[in-house]
């Protein structure tokens, strides 16, 4: 069974849908996008995959524990976790940053990854009675580029996600768990509109060497590859999906 956090919309929804090819039950986690999550569940069921939507705030420890317990009870043993949930905390220069933006982004981007990775390892690690599995973190190419003039705080948190990916992968490689990350670049999602800059993708399109904006489905293809047996010797890697930007 696979848990995908923040799967009611955007990249998370695309990953959950594409995970149907892995032929495992999928738990579609959401915090506020109930209608979107239920649509993803419906799409998975129509594809012949057992699926369930579970509302939970993955920034809260008790909510994470409840999410995993519910998913395991309803869908069976855990084999993979996709840490996709997150928010940017808003656009702006460092000098103008409201510390509340940083706190919000920290909880959604980094704290959620740590909490869900920890809980996933408690279920999947062979030393704890599990049968092994995968953790996939959704990072960002901003971790490399820095996000200057837009969201340095968000980029810094995604860099921390990469570091957590590398370090945790080393800890559990011998325990049957692979941990990787996929790092989207300029992707057409609702994130831009939510931050008040719906024209951002088109404005930055010329900065992408491939000359176009990516789609959530392209990120999902990379994510599902890393979750699949085809990536059995890959761990501690960050795969960028950014058109060269």
Protein backbone atom coordinates (compact mmCIF):
# COMPACT_ATOMS: atom_id res chain seq x y z
CA UNK A 1 0.00 0.00 0.00
CA UNK A 2 1.19 3.49 -0.88
CA UNK A 3 0.43 6.68 1.06
CA UNK A 4 0.61 9.91 -0.94
CA UNK A 5 0.34 13.09 1.13
CA UNK A 6 -1.21 16.26 -0.26
CA UNK A 7 -2.77 14.18 -3.02
CA UNK A 8 -5.99 16.11 -3.54
CA UNK A 9 -4.56 18.33 -6.26
CA UNK A 10 -1.55 19.17 -8.40
CA UNK A 11 1.56 17.01 -8.35
CA UNK A 12 0.32 14.86 -5.47
CA UNK A 13 -2.86 13.96 -7.33
CA UNK A 14 -0.88 13.16 -10.48
CA UNK A 15 1.48 10.87 -8.54
CA UNK A 16 -1.40 9.08 -6.84
CA UNK A 17 -3.13 8.49 -10.18
CA UNK A 18 0.04 7.29 -11.90
CA UNK A 19 0.77 4.96 -8.98
CA UNK A 20 -2.02 2.77 -10.36
CA UNK A 21 0.61 1.13 -12.60
CA UNK A 22 2.33 -0.24 -9.49
CA UNK A 23 -0.77 -2.33 -8.78
CA UNK A 24 -0.91 -1.54 -5.07
CA UNK A 25 -3.64 0.07 -2.95
CA UNK A 26 -3.27 3.85 -2.64
CA UNK A 27 -4.13 6.06 0.33
CA UNK A 28 -4.92 9.57 -0.92
CA UNK A 29 -4.16 12.00 1.90
CA UNK A 30 -5.52 15.54 1.91
CA UNK A 31 -6.00 18.39 4.36
CA UNK A 32 -8.56 20.63 2.65
CA UNK A 33 -9.02 19.41 -0.95
CA UNK A 34 -11.72 16.85 -0.16
CA UNK A 35 -13.43 16.95 -3.55
CA UNK A 36 -10.14 16.59 -5.37
CA UNK A 37 -9.07 13.67 -3.19
CA UNK A 38 -12.35 11.85 -3.76
CA UNK A 39 -11.97 12.34 -7.51
CA UNK A 40 -8.49 10.80 -7.37
CA UNK A 41 -9.90 7.86 -5.41
CA UNK A 42 -12.65 7.42 -8.00
CA UNK A 43 -10.11 7.50 -10.84
CA UNK A 44 -7.96 4.87 -9.10
CA UNK A 45 -10.92 2.60 -8.47
CA UNK A 46 -11.96 2.89 -12.11
CA UNK A 47 -8.42 1.77 -12.98
CA UNK A 48 -8.93 -1.30 -10.80
CA UNK A 49 -6.89 -0.08 -7.84
CA UNK A 50 -8.14 -0.15 -4.26
CA UNK A 51 -8.03 3.39 -2.87
CA UNK A 52 -9.10 5.45 0.11
CA UNK A 53 -9.07 9.18 0.91
CA UNK A 54 -7.97 10.12 4.43
CA UNK A 55 -8.07 13.67 5.77
CA UNK A 56 -5.09 14.47 8.01
CA UNK A 57 -2.80 17.39 8.76
CA UNK A 58 0.64 15.86 8.27
CA UNK A 59 2.33 18.67 10.20
CA UNK A 60 0.86 17.21 13.41
CA UNK A 61 2.38 14.11 14.98
CA UNK A 62 -0.88 12.58 16.19
CA UNK A 63 -2.52 13.20 12.82
CA UNK A 64 0.33 11.42 11.04
CA UNK A 65 0.01 8.44 13.36
CA UNK A 66 -3.74 8.31 12.72
CA UNK A 67 -3.25 8.58 8.95
CA UNK A 68 -0.84 5.66 8.84
CA UNK A 69 -2.89 3.52 11.22
CA UNK A 70 -6.05 4.10 9.19
CA UNK A 71 -4.32 3.38 5.89
CA UNK A 72 -2.77 0.14 7.15
CA UNK A 73 -6.03 -1.01 8.72
CA UNK A 74 -8.07 -0.35 5.58
CA UNK A 75 -5.58 -1.08 2.79
CA UNK A 76 -2.94 -3.43 4.18
CA UNK A 77 0.81 -3.30 4.86
CA UNK A 78 2.70 -0.16 3.92
CA UNK A 79 5.20 -0.40 1.06
CA UNK A 80 5.77 3.24 0.10
CA UNK A 81 5.31 6.82 1.31
CA UNK A 82 5.25 9.85 -0.97
CA UNK A 83 5.88 13.07 0.94
CA UNK A 84 4.28 15.66 -1.31
CA UNK A 85 2.32 17.93 1.05
CA UNK A 86 3.65 21.47 1.34
CA UNK A 87 3.12 25.20 0.88
CA UNK A 88 5.50 27.97 -0.11
CA UNK A 89 4.54 30.34 2.68
CA UNK A 90 4.16 33.14 0.14
CA UNK A 91 6.33 35.12 -2.25
CA UNK A 92 8.71 37.88 -1.24
CA UNK A 93 12.27 39.00 -0.68
CA UNK A 94 14.20 37.95 2.43
CA UNK A 95 14.22 41.50 3.80
CA UNK A 96 10.42 41.58 3.78
CA UNK A 97 9.80 38.05 5.10
CA UNK A 98 7.14 37.71 7.77
CA UNK A 99 8.42 35.10 10.22
CA UNK A 100 4.96 33.55 10.23
CA UNK A 101 5.48 32.70 6.55
CA UNK A 102 8.65 30.83 7.48
CA UNK A 103 6.93 28.96 10.31
CA UNK A 104 4.06 27.93 8.06
CA UNK A 105 6.39 26.75 5.30
CA UNK A 106 8.66 24.92 7.76
CA UNK A 107 5.79 22.89 9.17
CA UNK A 108 4.39 21.95 5.77
CA UNK A 109 7.64 21.43 3.85
CA UNK A 110 10.13 19.96 6.33
CA UNK A 111 8.36 18.93 9.53
CA UNK A 112 5.81 16.89 7.55
CA UNK A 113 8.59 15.06 5.69
CA UNK A 114 10.37 14.16 8.93
CA UNK A 115 7.17 13.01 10.64
CA UNK A 116 5.92 10.92 7.72
CA UNK A 117 9.34 9.44 6.96
CA UNK A 118 9.74 8.42 10.59
CA UNK A 119 6.30 6.83 10.69
CA UNK A 120 6.89 5.10 7.38
CA UNK A 121 10.17 3.61 8.57
CA UNK A 122 8.48 2.28 11.69
CA UNK A 123 6.16 0.30 9.42
CA UNK A 124 8.53 -0.72 6.61
CA UNK A 125 11.95 -1.32 8.19
CA UNK A 126 12.85 -5.01 8.29
CA UNK A 127 14.38 -4.61 11.74
CA UNK A 128 10.92 -3.55 12.97
CA UNK A 129 9.06 -6.39 11.32
CA UNK A 130 8.35 -4.72 7.99
CA UNK A 131 9.11 -6.07 4.54
CA UNK A 132 11.01 -3.04 3.23
CA UNK A 133 9.77 -0.33 0.92
CA UNK A 134 10.34 3.19 -0.37
CA UNK A 135 10.07 6.80 0.70
CA UNK A 136 9.83 9.43 -2.00
CA UNK A 137 10.13 13.12 -1.14
CA UNK A 138 8.90 15.87 -3.45
CA UNK A 139 11.59 18.54 -3.36
CA UNK A 140 12.21 21.41 -5.80
CA UNK A 141 14.91 22.62 -8.16
CA UNK A 142 14.75 25.76 -6.01
CA UNK A 143 16.89 23.85 -3.51
CA UNK A 144 19.71 24.25 -6.03
CA UNK A 145 18.87 27.64 -7.56
CA UNK A 146 18.07 29.37 -4.25
CA UNK A 147 14.72 30.94 -5.10
CA UNK A 148 16.15 34.46 -5.04
CA UNK A 149 13.67 37.38 -5.31
CA UNK A 150 10.75 34.97 -4.79
CA UNK A 151 10.94 32.43 -1.95
CA UNK A 152 14.40 31.87 -0.53
CA UNK A 153 12.88 30.49 2.68
CA UNK A 154 10.99 27.84 0.70
CA UNK A 155 14.06 26.92 -1.36
CA UNK A 156 16.13 26.58 1.81
CA UNK A 157 13.55 24.23 3.31
CA UNK A 158 13.56 22.12 0.15
CA UNK A 159 17.36 21.95 0.41
CA UNK A 160 16.83 20.57 3.90
CA UNK A 161 14.46 17.98 2.42
CA UNK A 162 17.27 16.92 0.07
CA UNK A 163 19.68 16.60 2.99
CA UNK A 164 17.14 14.55 4.93
CA UNK A 165 16.74 12.34 1.85
CA UNK A 166 20.47 11.69 1.60
CA UNK A 167 21.05 11.12 5.30
CA UNK A 168 18.01 8.96 5.98
CA UNK A 169 18.75 6.86 2.90
CA UNK A 170 22.14 5.96 4.36
CA UNK A 171 20.58 4.96 7.67
CA UNK A 172 18.01 2.53 6.29
CA UNK A 173 19.55 1.14 3.09
CA UNK A 174 20.52 -2.08 4.85
CA UNK A 175 17.06 -2.25 6.41
CA UNK A 176 15.30 -2.73 3.09
CA UNK A 177 14.08 0.84 2.58
CA UNK A 178 15.06 3.12 -0.30
CA UNK A 179 14.67 6.90 0.07
CA UNK A 180 14.81 9.24 -2.91
CA UNK A 181 13.43 12.59 -4.01
CA UNK A 182 12.01 14.07 -7.16
CA UNK A 183 12.64 17.80 -7.68
CA UNK A 184 10.15 19.58 -9.94
CA UNK A 185 11.13 22.77 -11.70
CA UNK A 186 8.68 25.12 -13.40
CA UNK A 187 5.45 23.10 -13.41
CA UNK A 188 1.92 24.22 -14.27
CA UNK A 189 0.01 23.78 -11.00
CA UNK A 190 -2.31 25.82 -8.82
CA UNK A 191 0.63 26.86 -6.63
CA UNK A 192 1.28 29.95 -8.75
CA UNK A 193 -2.30 31.17 -8.57
CA UNK A 194 -2.41 30.45 -4.83
CA UNK A 195 0.57 32.79 -4.40
CA UNK A 196 -1.08 35.54 -6.43
CA UNK A 197 1.12 35.11 -9.51
CA UNK A 198 -0.91 33.06 -12.01
CA UNK A 199 1.25 34.37 -14.87
CA UNK A 200 4.51 33.17 -13.27
CA UNK A 201 4.95 30.00 -15.37
CA UNK A 202 4.52 31.83 -18.67
CA UNK A 203 6.71 34.71 -17.49
CA UNK A 204 9.56 32.32 -16.64
CA UNK A 205 9.08 29.95 -19.56
CA UNK A 206 11.94 31.48 -21.57
CA UNK A 207 14.36 30.69 -18.73
CA UNK A 208 13.78 26.96 -19.26
CA UNK A 209 16.27 25.51 -21.78
CA UNK A 210 13.59 23.16 -23.15
CA UNK A 211 11.42 26.22 -23.76
CA UNK A 212 8.23 25.02 -22.11
CA UNK A 213 6.45 24.54 -18.79
CA UNK A 214 6.30 21.06 -17.30
CA UNK A 215 3.20 19.17 -16.22
CA UNK A 216 2.33 17.36 -12.99
CA UNK A 217 2.06 14.16 -15.02
CA UNK A 218 5.71 14.44 -16.08
CA UNK A 219 6.74 14.73 -12.44
CA UNK A 220 4.53 11.75 -11.63
CA UNK A 221 6.31 9.61 -14.23
CA UNK A 222 9.65 10.27 -12.54
CA UNK A 223 8.18 9.71 -9.09
CA UNK A 224 6.61 6.38 -9.96
CA UNK A 225 9.84 5.22 -11.61
CA UNK A 226 11.67 5.83 -8.32
CA UNK A 227 8.98 3.89 -6.47
CA UNK A 228 9.11 0.98 -8.89
CA UNK A 229 11.29 -2.16 -8.97
CA UNK A 230 13.10 -0.58 -11.95
CA UNK A 231 14.81 1.73 -9.42
CA UNK A 232 15.80 -1.11 -7.08
CA UNK A 233 19.46 0.01 -6.89
CA UNK A 234 18.71 3.71 -6.50
CA UNK A 235 18.65 5.34 -3.07
CA UNK A 236 19.75 8.71 -1.74
CA UNK A 237 19.14 10.33 -5.13
CA UNK A 238 17.38 13.56 -6.12
CA UNK A 239 15.96 13.41 -9.64
CA UNK A 240 15.28 16.83 -11.16
CA UNK A 241 12.32 17.28 -13.50
CA UNK A 242 12.87 20.84 -14.63
CA UNK A 243 13.58 21.00 -18.34
CA UNK A 244 17.20 21.92 -17.65
CA UNK A 245 16.46 25.01 -15.54
